[in-house]
Amino acid sequence: MTPVFSIITPYYLSTLRPSHNQRVILCINSIHSLKSEFIIPTNQTSLTFGASNVKTIGTDSGHIFSPAKARNDAVLEASGKYLFFMDCDLLCSPALNAEVFCVLQSNKSKIAFEMYPCLYLTKEETERFDGDFQGCLESFLRGENHRVEGIALASSCLLMNREWFLQLGGFDEQFVGHGGEDLELIDRLTRHYPIGPRPADYGLNIKAQHPGDYQGFRRYFSYYALPHLFAGRFLVHQWHPRPLTHPYHKRRAGNDQLLEQMLSRSEAERGPLKGPVVPCNDLDGELPDFREWMIRLQEEAGYPVQEYPGLLRWQDGIKPKRPLWRKVRKLYLNPRAFFRDMFKPASR
């Protein structure tokens, strides 16, 4: 029987992380379906994960691993009608599991795409995590930082139709190493499935600890993802070290610059769209003020912002974790962002 959908999870086996296989197994176990297949593009095709629906394929991306090429290679091997992209460090919540299967069983052949948020667990929470997704969400929404250290509303966790992915041309393989390729694809997806007019600051590539401070394309993308968070449809990222001098991570700054250049182009410079435009009617074509909309959704979901300020700021009395190694890493990889943030006022 042809699988309904294919789950694609790139995995680069590094000698720096020999025990990382267990994380991949946990990832596989967190999302399951008799009608799905796992395709893992990797540099080590001899890897086995003990399940008949898991397939590893070789991907040759040169000296530095390319998630963009790895995912594109995997799609060519995929037999599912739908694609679900997730990284090997992620775990899928039960509510997201149920949502994915519901969408697929409804056979929505014209589904544009869905993008799901991701919570980043602390090192300590990763070591003791027992599947308490809701507890981690509520801890973060309360503005605590001992279980969850951050969030990405716009993430690489994407569900879409395989034919449309191929029509759009897949991931851009100019991105090699860490970052950029997922956000660039989301940019193209939102051009074909606009939720509203793009803001004047759309091209800004400025990261923020709290979604209430999002700017540019991250804020625009979040209109698609935020409703999933309050419904429990999200993933959690298992903490792992990111060696400062590793070539894969050193490419992040260059990828960020490439992304800025690509997203700042005019419509004329981008060229014609590779398919139809299907407006998203979730917000009736108009974008409300993001912070006001976010607070309204949160309170409608039963999280009054006075008790759950986490999307806007840390809880009063919580000391932000800013270890020295993280500052040194940022200065080394992206000095422009480091000095910009040095003079940025704290959010309230």
C-alpha atoms as a PDB file:
ATOM      1  CA  MET A   1       0.000   0.000   0.000  1.00  0.00           C
ATOM      2  CA  THR A   2       1.329   3.415  -0.948  1.00  0.00           C
ATOM      3  CA  PRO A   3       1.971   5.524   2.173  1.00  0.00           C
ATOM      4  CA  VAL A   4      -0.278   8.535   2.714  1.00  0.00           C
ATOM      5  CA  PHE A   5       2.677  10.660   3.668  1.00  0.00           C
ATOM      6  CA  SER A   6       6.440  10.637   3.965  1.00  0.00           C
ATOM      7  CA  ILE A   7       8.282  11.976   7.007  1.00  0.00           C
ATOM      8  CA  ILE A   8      11.668  13.391   6.037  1.00  0.00           C
ATOM      9  CA  THR A   9      14.339  13.801   8.687  1.00  0.00           C
ATOM     10  CA  PRO A  10      17.929  14.670   7.653  1.00  0.00           C
ATOM     11  CA  TYR A  11      20.609  13.191   9.870  1.00  0.00           C
ATOM     12  CA  TYR A  12      24.358  13.767   9.754  1.00  0.00           C
ATOM     13  CA  LEU A  13      26.273  11.281  11.879  1.00  0.00           C
ATOM     14  CA  SER A  14      29.224  13.126  13.396  1.00  0.00           C
ATOM     15  CA  THR A  15      32.103  11.697  15.364  1.00  0.00           C
ATOM     16  CA  LEU A  16      31.466  14.596  17.732  1.00  0.00           C
ATOM     17  CA  ARG A  17      28.052  13.157  18.638  1.00  0.00           C
ATOM     18  CA  PRO A  18      28.358   9.349  18.460  1.00  0.00           C
ATOM     19  CA  SER A  19      25.459   8.802  20.878  1.00  0.00           C
ATOM     20  CA  HIS A  20      23.062  10.924  18.831  1.00  0.00           C
ATOM     21  CA  ASN A  21      21.369   7.842  17.328  1.00  0.00           C
ATOM     22  CA  GLN A  22      19.130   7.580  20.381  1.00  0.00           C
ATOM     23  CA  ARG A  23      17.749  11.039  19.673  1.00  0.00           C
ATOM     24  CA  VAL A  24      16.768   9.921  16.173  1.00  0.00           C
ATOM     25  CA  ILE A  25      15.026   6.844  17.581  1.00  0.00           C
ATOM     26  CA  LEU A  26      13.066   9.043  20.000  1.00  0.00           C
ATOM     27  CA  CYS A  27      12.145  11.309  17.089  1.00  0.00           C
ATOM     28  CA  ILE A  28      10.848   8.368  15.048  1.00  0.00           C
ATOM     29  CA  ASN A  29       8.881   7.006  17.987  1.00  0.00           C
ATOM     30  CA  SER A  30       7.212  10.361  18.623  1.00  0.00           C
ATOM     31  CA  ILE A  31       5.298  10.301  15.334  1.00  0.00           C
ATOM     32  CA  HIS A  32       3.877   7.068  14.009  1.00  0.00           C
ATOM     33  CA  SER A  33       1.406   5.819  11.439  1.00  0.00           C
ATOM     34  CA  LEU A  34       0.839   2.572   9.606  1.00  0.00           C
ATOM     35  CA  LYS A  35       0.433   4.608   6.429  1.00  0.00           C
ATOM     36  CA  SER A  36       3.622   6.627   6.725  1.00  0.00           C
ATOM     37  CA  GLU A  37       7.242   6.153   5.801  1.00  0.00           C
ATOM     38  CA  PHE A  38      10.325   7.678   7.378  1.00  0.00           C
ATOM     39  CA  ILE A  39      13.067   8.709   4.976  1.00  0.00           C
ATOM     40  CA  ILE A  40      16.355   9.674   6.580  1.00  0.00           C
ATOM     41  CA  PRO A  41      18.898  11.224   4.200  1.00  0.00           C
ATOM     42  CA  THR A  42      22.247  10.701   5.873  1.00  0.00           C
ATOM     43  CA  ASN A  43      25.985  10.408   5.372  1.00  0.00           C
ATOM     44  CA  GLN A  44      25.872   6.882   6.834  1.00  0.00           C
ATOM     45  CA  THR A  45      23.451   4.607   4.946  1.00  0.00           C
ATOM     46  CA  SER A  46      24.487   1.600   7.047  1.00  0.00           C
ATOM     47  CA  LEU A  47      22.474   3.011   9.962  1.00  0.00           C
ATOM     48  CA  THR A  48      19.392   1.014  10.991  1.00  0.00           C
ATOM     49  CA  PHE A  49      16.643   2.103  13.325  1.00  0.00           C
ATOM     50  CA  GLY A  50      14.705  -1.119  13.880  1.00  0.00           C
ATOM     51  CA  ALA A  51      11.503  -0.286  11.982  1.00  0.00           C
ATOM     52  CA  SER A  52      10.321  -1.568   8.621  1.00  0.00           C
ATOM     53  CA  ASN A  53       8.958   1.810   7.525  1.00  0.00           C
ATOM     54  CA  VAL A  54      12.278   3.635   8.081  1.00  0.00           C
ATOM     55  CA  LYS A  55      14.507   4.043   5.050  1.00  0.00           C
ATOM     56  CA  THR A  56      17.962   5.617   4.980  1.00  0.00           C
ATOM     57  CA  ILE A  57      19.358   7.062   1.774  1.00  0.00           C
ATOM     58  CA  GLY A  58      22.800   8.460   1.045  1.00  0.00           C
ATOM     59  CA  THR A  59      23.149  12.168   0.375  1.00  0.00           C
ATOM     60  CA  ASP A  60      26.424  13.610  -0.853  1.00  0.00           C
ATOM     61  CA  SER A  61      26.540  17.299  -0.015  1.00  0.00           C
ATOM     62  CA  GLY A  62      30.294  17.684  -0.029  1.00  0.00           C
ATOM     63  CA  HIS A  63      32.512  18.677   2.867  1.00  0.00           C
ATOM     64  CA  ILE A  64      29.722  20.522   4.727  1.00  0.00           C
ATOM     65  CA  PHE A  65      26.361  18.848   5.247  1.00  0.00           C
ATOM     66  CA  SER A  66      23.496  20.495   3.344  1.00  0.00           C
ATOM     67  CA  PRO A  67      20.020  19.966   4.843  1.00  0.00           C
ATOM     68  CA  ALA A  68      18.554  21.564   1.712  1.00  0.00           C
ATOM     69  CA  LYS A  69      20.087  19.001  -0.640  1.00  0.00           C
ATOM     70  CA  ALA A  70      19.435  16.171   1.822  1.00  0.00           C
ATOM     71  CA  ARG A  71      15.727  16.981   1.976  1.00  0.00           C
ATOM     72  CA  ASN A  72      15.478  17.387  -1.802  1.00  0.00           C
ATOM     73  CA  ASP A  73      17.185  14.015  -2.302  1.00  0.00           C
ATOM     74  CA  ALA A  74      14.744  12.413   0.135  1.00  0.00           C
ATOM     75  CA  VAL A  75      11.684  13.838  -1.628  1.00  0.00           C
ATOM     76  CA  LEU A  76      12.782  12.166  -4.856  1.00  0.00           C
ATOM     77  CA  GLU A  77      12.684   8.845  -2.975  1.00  0.00           C
ATOM     78  CA  ALA A  78       9.395   9.572  -1.228  1.00  0.00           C
ATOM     79  CA  SER A  79       6.234   7.729  -2.246  1.00  0.00           C
ATOM     80  CA  GLY A  80       3.766   9.595  -0.037  1.00  0.00           C
ATOM     81  CA  LYS A  81       1.244  12.102  -1.352  1.00  0.00           C
ATOM     82  CA  TYR A  82       2.158  14.460   1.459  1.00  0.00           C
ATOM     83  CA  LEU A  83       5.483  15.437   2.990  1.00  0.00           C
ATOM     84  CA  PHE A  84       6.193  16.186   6.619  1.00  0.00           C
ATOM     85  CA  PHE A  85       9.583  17.747   7.310  1.00  0.00           C
ATOM     86  CA  MET A  86      11.032  17.593  10.806  1.00  0.00           C
ATOM     87  CA  ASP A  87      14.568  17.590  12.181  1.00  0.00           C
ATOM     88  CA  CYS A  88      16.073  14.598  13.945  1.00  0.00           C
ATOM     89  CA  ASP A  89      16.391  16.509  17.234  1.00  0.00           C
ATOM     90  CA  LEU A  90      12.628  17.042  17.489  1.00  0.00           C
ATOM     91  CA  LEU A  91       9.810  15.226  19.247  1.00  0.00           C
ATOM     92  CA  CYS A  92       6.220  15.486  18.047  1.00  0.00           C
ATOM     93  CA  SER A  93       3.437  16.152  20.568  1.00  0.00           C
ATOM     94  CA  PRO A  94       0.410  13.809  20.710  1.00  0.00           C
ATOM     95  CA  ALA A  95      -1.894  16.648  19.655  1.00  0.00           C
ATOM     96  CA  LEU A  96       0.227  17.281  16.573  1.00  0.00           C
ATOM     97  CA  ASN A  97       0.238  13.571  15.804  1.00  0.00           C
ATOM     98  CA  ALA A  98      -3.554  13.581  15.893  1.00  0.00           C
ATOM     99  CA  GLU A  99      -3.763  16.733  13.770  1.00  0.00           C
ATOM    100  CA  VAL A 100      -1.475  15.421  11.040  1.00  0.00           C
ATOM    101  CA  PHE A 101      -3.430  12.194  10.728  1.00  0.00           C
ATOM    102  CA  CYS A 102      -6.740  14.079  10.737  1.00  0.00           C
ATOM    103  CA  VAL A 103      -5.572  16.344   7.908  1.00  0.00           C
ATOM    104  CA  LEU A 104      -4.328  13.393   5.906  1.00  0.00           C
ATOM    105  CA  GLN A 105      -7.417  11.240   6.455  1.00  0.00           C
ATOM    106  CA  SER A 106      -9.614  14.106   5.283  1.00  0.00           C
ATOM    107  CA  ASN A 107      -7.704  13.859   1.976  1.00  0.00           C
ATOM    108  CA  LYS A 108      -7.391  17.604   1.487  1.00  0.00           C
ATOM    109  CA  SER A 109      -5.736  17.422  -1.895  1.00  0.00           C
ATOM    110  CA  LYS A 110      -5.437  21.202  -2.088  1.00  0.00           C
ATOM    111  CA  ILE A 111      -3.755  21.669   1.280  1.00  0.00           C
ATOM    112  CA  ALA A 112      -1.265  24.498   0.869  1.00  0.00           C
ATOM    113  CA  PHE A 113       1.013  23.981   3.845  1.00  0.00           C
ATOM    114  CA  GLU A 114       1.010  23.886   7.618  1.00  0.00           C
ATOM    115  CA  MET A 115       3.855  25.139   9.800  1.00  0.00           C
ATOM    116  CA  TYR A 116       4.179  24.018  13.406  1.00  0.00           C
ATOM    117  CA  PRO A 117       5.938  25.793  16.309  1.00  0.00           C
ATOM    118  CA  CYS A 118       8.872  24.363  18.223  1.00  0.00           C
ATOM    119  CA  LEU A 119       9.855  24.738  21.890  1.00  0.00           C
ATOM    120  CA  TYR A 120      13.557  24.466  22.724  1.00  0.00           C
ATOM    121  CA  LEU A 121      14.149  22.406  25.848  1.00  0.00           C
ATOM    122  CA  THR A 122      16.919  23.211  28.270  1.00  0.00           C
ATOM    123  CA  LYS A 123      19.729  20.727  28.721  1.00  0.00           C
ATOM    124  CA  GLU A 124      18.289  19.630  32.068  1.00  0.00           C
ATOM    125  CA  GLU A 125      14.755  19.163  30.686  1.00  0.00           C
ATOM    126  CA  THR A 126      16.096  17.190  27.717  1.00  0.00           C
ATOM    127  CA  GLU A 127      17.800  14.762  30.078  1.00  0.00           C
ATOM    128  CA  ARG A 128      14.643  14.163  32.119  1.00  0.00           C
ATOM    129  CA  PHE A 129      11.907  14.717  29.529  1.00  0.00           C
ATOM    130  CA  ASP A 130       9.122  12.169  29.972  1.00  0.00           C
ATOM    131  CA  GLY A 131       6.633  13.303  27.345  1.00  0.00           C
ATOM    132  CA  ASP A 132       5.091  16.164  29.322  1.00  0.00           C
ATOM    133  CA  PHE A 133       4.572  18.446  26.327  1.00  0.00           C
ATOM    134  CA  GLN A 134       1.746  20.390  27.952  1.00  0.00           C
ATOM    135  CA  GLY A 135       3.777  21.011  31.095  1.00  0.00           C
ATOM    136  CA  CYS A 136       6.638  22.424  29.046  1.00  0.00           C
ATOM    137  CA  LEU A 137       4.272  24.683  27.106  1.00  0.00           C
ATOM    138  CA  GLU A 138       2.649  26.033  30.252  1.00  0.00           C
ATOM    139  CA  SER A 139       6.028  26.581  31.896  1.00  0.00           C
ATOM    140  CA  PHE A 140       7.192  28.654  28.944  1.00  0.00           C
ATOM    141  CA  LEU A 141       3.924  30.601  28.777  1.00  0.00           C
ATOM    142  CA  ARG A 142       4.316  31.429  32.475  1.00  0.00           C
ATOM    143  CA  GLY A 143       7.600  33.084  31.573  1.00  0.00           C
ATOM    144  CA  GLU A 144       9.817  30.474  33.212  1.00  0.00           C
ATOM    145  CA  ASN A 145      13.083  29.286  31.701  1.00  0.00           C
ATOM    146  CA  HIS A 146      14.089  26.167  33.639  1.00  0.00           C
ATOM    147  CA  ARG A 147      12.292  23.762  31.252  1.00  0.00           C
ATOM    148  CA  VAL A 148      12.142  25.671  27.970  1.00  0.00           C
ATOM    149  CA  GLU A 149      14.790  28.175  26.892  1.00  0.00           C
ATOM    150  CA  GLY A 150      13.122  29.509  23.770  1.00  0.00           C
ATOM    151  CA  ILE A 151      10.559  29.127  21.013  1.00  0.00           C
ATOM    152  CA  ALA A 152      10.407  29.254  17.218  1.00  0.00           C
ATOM    153  CA  LEU A 153       6.950  29.953  15.835  1.00  0.00           C
ATOM    154  CA  ALA A 154       8.288  29.927  12.271  1.00  0.00           C
ATOM    155  CA  SER A 155      10.026  26.570  12.024  1.00  0.00           C
ATOM    156  CA  SER A 156      11.210  23.957   9.547  1.00  0.00           C
ATOM    157  CA  CYS A 157       8.385  21.626  10.662  1.00  0.00           C
ATOM    158  CA  LEU A 158       6.257  21.729   7.533  1.00  0.00           C
ATOM    159  CA  LEU A 159       3.392  19.629   6.164  1.00  0.00           C
ATOM    160  CA  MET A 160       2.635  20.033   2.454  1.00  0.00           C
ATOM    161  CA  ASN A 161       1.569  18.371  -0.751  1.00  0.00           C
ATOM    162  CA  ARG A 162       4.451  16.606  -2.525  1.00  0.00           C
ATOM    163  CA  GLU A 163       3.414  17.759  -5.992  1.00  0.00           C
ATOM    164  CA  TRP A 164       3.361  21.383  -4.892  1.00  0.00           C
ATOM    165  CA  PHE A 165       6.759  21.055  -3.241  1.00  0.00           C
ATOM    166  CA  LEU A 166       8.202  19.786  -6.510  1.00  0.00           C
ATOM    167  CA  GLN A 167       6.416  22.489  -8.485  1.00  0.00           C
ATOM    168  CA  LEU A 168       8.000  25.169  -6.302  1.00  0.00           C
ATOM    169  CA  GLY A 169      11.437  23.686  -6.881  1.00  0.00           C
ATOM    170  CA  GLY A 170      12.091  22.346  -3.391  1.00  0.00           C
ATOM    171  CA  PHE A 171      14.689  23.753  -1.009  1.00  0.00           C
ATOM    172  CA  ASP A 172      17.263  26.171  -2.402  1.00  0.00           C
ATOM    173  CA  GLU A 173      20.610  24.356  -2.415  1.00  0.00           C
ATOM    174  CA  GLN A 174      22.571  27.590  -2.267  1.00  0.00           C
ATOM    175  CA  PHE A 175      22.180  27.175   1.494  1.00  0.00           C
ATOM    176  CA  VAL A 176      24.848  24.826   2.826  1.00  0.00           C
ATOM    177  CA  GLY A 177      25.362  24.196   6.518  1.00  0.00           C
ATOM    178  CA  HIS A 178      23.173  25.516   9.307  1.00  0.00           C
ATOM    179  CA  GLY A 179      20.128  27.668   8.640  1.00  0.00           C
ATOM    180  CA  GLY A 180      18.318  29.622   5.972  1.00  0.00           C
ATOM    181  CA  GLU A 181      16.923  26.989   3.626  1.00  0.00           C
ATOM    182  CA  ASP A 182      13.720  26.414   5.605  1.00  0.00           C
ATOM    183  CA  LEU A 183      12.848  30.115   5.959  1.00  0.00           C
ATOM    184  CA  GLU A 184      13.516  30.738   2.272  1.00  0.00           C
ATOM    185  CA  LEU A 185      11.107  27.946   1.324  1.00  0.00           C
ATOM    186  CA  ILE A 186       8.481  29.309   3.731  1.00  0.00           C
ATOM    187  CA  ASP A 187       8.872  32.674   2.022  1.00  0.00           C
ATOM    188  CA  ARG A 188       7.971  31.097  -1.311  1.00  0.00           C
ATOM    189  CA  LEU A 189       5.109  29.135   0.231  1.00  0.00           C
ATOM    190  CA  THR A 190       3.598  32.287   1.701  1.00  0.00           C
ATOM    191  CA  ARG A 191       3.823  34.048  -1.653  1.00  0.00           C
ATOM    192  CA  HIS A 192       1.553  31.359  -3.083  1.00  0.00           C
ATOM    193  CA  TYR A 193      -0.646  31.204   0.029  1.00  0.00           C
ATOM    194  CA  PRO A 194      -0.711  34.786   1.390  1.00  0.00           C
ATOM    195  CA  ILE A 195      -2.402  35.316   4.737  1.00  0.00           C
ATOM    196  CA  GLY A 196      -2.406  39.079   4.213  1.00  0.00           C
ATOM    197  CA  PRO A 197      -0.346  41.933   2.770  1.00  0.00           C
ATOM    198  CA  ARG A 198       3.361  41.825   3.537  1.00  0.00           C
ATOM    199  CA  PRO A 199       4.544  44.520   5.961  1.00  0.00           C
ATOM    200  CA  ALA A 200       7.078  47.154   4.967  1.00  0.00           C
ATOM    201  CA  ASP A 201       9.707  45.582   7.254  1.00  0.00           C
ATOM    202  CA  TYR A 202       9.226  42.099   5.807  1.00  0.00           C
ATOM    203  CA  GLY A 203      12.876  41.697   4.738  1.00  0.00           C
ATOM    204  CA  LEU A 204      14.282  42.197   8.256  1.00  0.00           C
ATOM    205  CA  ASN A 205      16.178  39.181   9.586  1.00  0.00           C
ATOM    206  CA  ILE A 206      16.190  40.048  13.291  1.00  0.00           C
ATOM    207  CA  LYS A 207      15.850  37.312  15.887  1.00  0.00           C
ATOM    208  CA  ALA A 208      14.093  37.882  19.211  1.00  0.00           C
ATOM    209  CA  GLN A 209      13.815  35.859  22.416  1.00  0.00           C
ATOM    210  CA  HIS A 210      10.079  36.507  22.755  1.00  0.00           C
ATOM    211  CA  PRO A 211       7.544  36.437  19.885  1.00  0.00           C
ATOM    212  CA  GLY A 212       6.045  39.722  21.062  1.00  0.00           C
ATOM    213  CA  ASP A 213       9.255  41.357  19.815  1.00  0.00           C
ATOM    214  CA  TYR A 214       9.260  39.671  16.405  1.00  0.00           C
ATOM    215  CA  GLN A 215       9.835  41.849  13.371  1.00  0.00           C
ATOM    216  CA  GLY A 216      10.009  41.316   9.628  1.00  0.00           C
ATOM    217  CA  PHE A 217       9.309  37.970   8.036  1.00  0.00           C
ATOM    218  CA  ARG A 218       9.392  36.100  11.376  1.00  0.00           C
ATOM    219  CA  ARG A 219       6.406  38.088  12.574  1.00  0.00           C
ATOM    220  CA  TYR A 220       4.590  37.553   9.255  1.00  0.00           C
ATOM    221  CA  PHE A 221       5.265  33.795   9.265  1.00  0.00           C
ATOM    222  CA  SER A 222       4.003  33.576  12.842  1.00  0.00           C
ATOM    223  CA  TYR A 223       0.465  34.414  11.738  1.00  0.00           C
ATOM    224  CA  TYR A 224       0.409  30.952  10.155  1.00  0.00           C
ATOM    225  CA  ALA A 225       1.887  29.067  13.115  1.00  0.00           C
ATOM    226  CA  LEU A 226       0.662  30.624  16.361  1.00  0.00           C
ATOM    227  CA  PRO A 227      -2.844  29.047  16.442  1.00  0.00           C
ATOM    228  CA  HIS A 228      -1.210  25.599  16.456  1.00  0.00           C
ATOM    229  CA  LEU A 229       0.669  26.420  19.670  1.00  0.00           C
ATOM    230  CA  PHE A 230      -2.403  27.016  21.813  1.00  0.00           C
ATOM    231  CA  ALA A 231      -4.017  23.860  20.433  1.00  0.00           C
ATOM    232  CA  GLY A 232      -1.001  21.812  21.588  1.00  0.00           C
ATOM    233  CA  ARG A 233       0.170  21.142  18.038  1.00  0.00           C
ATOM    234  CA  PHE A 234       3.894  21.738  18.426  1.00  0.00           C
ATOM    235  CA  LEU A 235       7.232  19.972  18.726  1.00  0.00           C
ATOM    236  CA  VAL A 236      10.042  20.124  21.257  1.00  0.00           C
ATOM    237  CA  HIS A 237      13.731  20.337  20.431  1.00  0.00           C
ATOM    238  CA  GLN A 238      16.122  18.141  22.361  1.00  0.00           C
ATOM    239  CA  TRP A 239      19.110  20.133  23.553  1.00  0.00           C
ATOM    240  CA  HIS A 240      22.536  19.278  22.128  1.00  0.00           C
ATOM    241  CA  PRO A 241      25.888  21.083  21.923  1.00  0.00           C
ATOM    242  CA  ARG A 242      26.761  23.126  18.845  1.00  0.00           C
ATOM    243  CA  PRO A 243      30.553  23.183  18.516  1.00  0.00           C
ATOM    244  CA  LEU A 244      31.684  26.738  17.805  1.00  0.00           C
ATOM    245  CA  THR A 245      34.278  25.878  15.182  1.00  0.00           C
ATOM    246  CA  HIS A 246      32.334  23.139  13.365  1.00  0.00           C
ATOM    247  CA  PRO A 247      32.041  24.050   9.636  1.00  0.00           C
ATOM    248  CA  TYR A 248      28.308  23.229   9.661  1.00  0.00           C
ATOM    249  CA  HIS A 249      27.529  25.839  12.320  1.00  0.00           C
ATOM    250  CA  LYS A 250      30.053  28.402  11.079  1.00  0.00           C
ATOM    251  CA  ARG A 251      27.979  28.751   7.905  1.00  0.00           C
ATOM    252  CA  ARG A 252      25.037  30.234   9.838  1.00  0.00           C
ATOM    253  CA  ALA A 253      26.141  33.860   9.515  1.00  0.00           C
ATOM    254  CA  GLY A 254      26.676  33.547   5.735  1.00  0.00           C
ATOM    255  CA  ASN A 255      23.314  31.813   5.337  1.00  0.00           C
ATOM    256  CA  ASP A 256      21.613  34.599   7.289  1.00  0.00           C
ATOM    257  CA  GLN A 257      23.111  37.183   4.949  1.00  0.00           C
ATOM    258  CA  LEU A 258      22.038  35.192   1.884  1.00  0.00           C
ATOM    259  CA  LEU A 259      18.525  34.924   3.304  1.00  0.00           C
ATOM    260  CA  GLU A 260      18.348  38.677   3.885  1.00  0.00           C
ATOM    261  CA  GLN A 261      19.416  39.357   0.315  1.00  0.00           C
ATOM    262  CA  MET A 262      16.854  36.949  -1.121  1.00  0.00           C
ATOM    263  CA  LEU A 263      13.934  38.155   0.995  1.00  0.00           C
ATOM    264  CA  SER A 264      14.716  41.820   0.353  1.00  0.00           C
ATOM    265  CA  ARG A 265      14.326  41.488  -3.417  1.00  0.00           C
ATOM    266  CA  SER A 266      11.426  43.195  -5.131  1.00  0.00           C
ATOM    267  CA  GLU A 267       8.684  41.155  -6.755  1.00  0.00           C
ATOM    268  CA  ALA A 268      10.121  42.029 -10.165  1.00  0.00           C
ATOM    269  CA  GLU A 269      13.550  40.746  -9.124  1.00  0.00           C
ATOM    270  CA  ARG A 270      12.066  37.509  -7.841  1.00  0.00           C
ATOM    271  CA  GLY A 271      10.502  36.616 -11.154  1.00  0.00           C
ATOM    272  CA  PRO A 272       7.137  34.972 -11.812  1.00  0.00           C
ATOM    273  CA  LEU A 273       5.504  32.611  -9.355  1.00  0.00           C
ATOM    274  CA  LYS A 274       5.752  28.892 -10.095  1.00  0.00           C
ATOM    275  CA  GLY A 275       2.076  28.158  -9.696  1.00  0.00           C
ATOM    276  CA  PRO A 276      -1.280  29.613  -8.632  1.00  0.00           C
ATOM    277  CA  VAL A 277      -1.884  31.977  -5.724  1.00  0.00           C
ATOM    278  CA  VAL A 278      -4.450  30.620  -3.248  1.00  0.00           C
ATOM    279  CA  PRO A 279      -5.201  33.259  -0.601  1.00  0.00           C
ATOM    280  CA  CYS A 280      -5.366  32.035   2.983  1.00  0.00           C
ATOM    281  CA  ASN A 281      -8.651  33.258   4.481  1.00  0.00           C
ATOM    282  CA  ASP A 282      -7.826  32.576   8.136  1.00  0.00           C
ATOM    283  CA  LEU A 283      -7.588  36.319   8.866  1.00  0.00           C
ATOM    284  CA  ASP A 284      -9.928  37.528   6.083  1.00  0.00           C
ATOM    285  CA  GLY A 285      -7.001  38.944   4.138  1.00  0.00           C
ATOM    286  CA  GLU A 286      -6.150  41.585   6.748  1.00  0.00           C
ATOM    287  CA  LEU A 287      -3.307  41.371   9.258  1.00  0.00           C
ATOM    288  CA  PRO A 288      -4.252  42.553  12.749  1.00  0.00           C
ATOM    289  CA  ASP A 289      -1.660  44.095  15.046  1.00  0.00           C
ATOM    290  CA  PHE A 290       0.515  41.098  15.903  1.00  0.00           C
ATOM    291  CA  ARG A 291       0.896  41.611  19.662  1.00  0.00           C
ATOM    292  CA  GLU A 292      -2.788  42.364  20.147  1.00  0.00           C
ATOM    293  CA  TRP A 293      -3.786  39.346  18.048  1.00  0.00           C
ATOM    294  CA  MET A 294      -1.349  37.092  19.905  1.00  0.00           C
ATOM    295  CA  ILE A 295      -2.676  38.172  23.300  1.00  0.00           C
ATOM    296  CA  ARG A 296      -6.274  37.701  22.169  1.00  0.00           C
ATOM    297  CA  LEU A 297      -5.602  34.164  20.920  1.00  0.00           C
ATOM    298  CA  GLN A 298      -3.747  33.335  24.113  1.00  0.00           C
ATOM    299  CA  GLU A 299      -6.518  34.557  26.388  1.00  0.00           C
ATOM    300  CA  GLU A 300      -9.202  32.831  24.316  1.00  0.00           C
ATOM    301  CA  ALA A 301      -7.194  29.616  24.851  1.00  0.00           C
ATOM    302  CA  GLY A 302      -7.366  30.093  28.631  1.00  0.00           C
ATOM    303  CA  TYR A 303      -3.967  31.679  29.285  1.00  0.00           C
ATOM    304  CA  PRO A 304      -4.506  35.198  30.692  1.00  0.00           C
ATOM    305  CA  VAL A 305      -1.461  37.266  29.871  1.00  0.00           C
ATOM    306  CA  GLN A 306      -1.101  38.512  33.466  1.00  0.00           C
ATOM    307  CA  GLU A 307      -0.410  34.931  34.578  1.00  0.00           C
ATOM    308  CA  TYR A 308       1.214  33.764  31.334  1.00  0.00           C
ATOM    309  CA  PRO A 309       3.477  36.547  30.018  1.00  0.00           C
ATOM    310  CA  GLY A 310       6.014  34.189  28.379  1.00  0.00           C
ATOM    311  CA  LEU A 311       5.356  35.175  24.778  1.00  0.00           C
ATOM    312  CA  LEU A 312       6.108  38.776  25.722  1.00  0.00           C
ATOM    313  CA  ARG A 313       8.761  38.589  28.437  1.00  0.00           C
ATOM    314  CA  TRP A 314      10.208  36.519  31.243  1.00  0.00           C
ATOM    315  CA  GLN A 315       8.220  36.282  34.449  1.00  0.00           C
ATOM    316  CA  ASP A 316       9.085  38.879  37.083  1.00  0.00           C
ATOM    317  CA  GLY A 317      11.978  37.599  39.158  1.00  0.00           C
ATOM    318  CA  ILE A 318      13.260  35.221  36.476  1.00  0.00           C
ATOM    319  CA  LYS A 319      16.866  35.884  35.612  1.00  0.00           C
ATOM    320  CA  PRO A 320      17.558  35.418  31.883  1.00  0.00           C
ATOM    321  CA  LYS A 321      20.184  32.796  31.166  1.00  0.00           C
ATOM    322  CA  ARG A 322      22.990  34.472  29.277  1.00  0.00           C
ATOM    323  CA  PRO A 323      26.027  32.235  29.707  1.00  0.00           C
ATOM    324  CA  LEU A 324      29.348  33.633  28.556  1.00  0.00           C
ATOM    325  CA  TRP A 325      29.864  30.858  25.994  1.00  0.00           C
ATOM    326  CA  ARG A 326      26.671  31.892  24.199  1.00  0.00           C
ATOM    327  CA  LYS A 327      27.828  35.497  23.945  1.00  0.00           C
ATOM    328  CA  VAL A 328      31.243  34.439  22.667  1.00  0.00           C
ATOM    329  CA  ARG A 329      29.571  32.153  20.130  1.00  0.00           C
ATOM    330  CA  LYS A 330      27.365  34.948  18.829  1.00  0.00           C
ATOM    331  CA  LEU A 331      30.275  37.382  18.614  1.00  0.00           C
ATOM    332  CA  TYR A 332      32.275  34.809  16.649  1.00  0.00           C
ATOM    333  CA  LEU A 333      29.516  33.735  14.272  1.00  0.00           C
ATOM    334  CA  ASN A 334      27.569  36.956  13.806  1.00  0.00           C
ATOM    335  CA  PRO A 335      29.336  40.072  15.173  1.00  0.00           C
ATOM    336  CA  ARG A 336      26.808  42.422  13.579  1.00  0.00           C
ATOM    337  CA  ALA A 337      23.923  40.836  15.485  1.00  0.00           C
ATOM    338  CA  PHE A 338      26.013  40.703  18.662  1.00  0.00           C
ATOM    339  CA  PHE A 339      26.653  44.454  18.747  1.00  0.00           C
ATOM    340  CA  ARG A 340      23.096  45.258  17.672  1.00  0.00           C
ATOM    341  CA  ASP A 341      21.699  43.276  20.596  1.00  0.00           C
ATOM    342  CA  MET A 342      24.189  44.845  23.004  1.00  0.00           C
ATOM    343  CA  PHE A 343      22.345  48.149  22.648  1.00  0.00           C
ATOM    344  CA  LYS A 344      18.804  46.771  22.380  1.00  0.00           C
ATOM    345  CA  PRO A 345      16.572  47.686  25.355  1.00  0.00           C
ATOM    346  CA  ALA A 346      15.049  44.838  27.348  1.00  0.00           C
ATOM    347  CA  SER A 347      11.431  44.019  26.450  1.00  0.00           C
ATOM    348  CA  ARG A 348       8.572  44.291  28.923  1.00  0.00           C
END
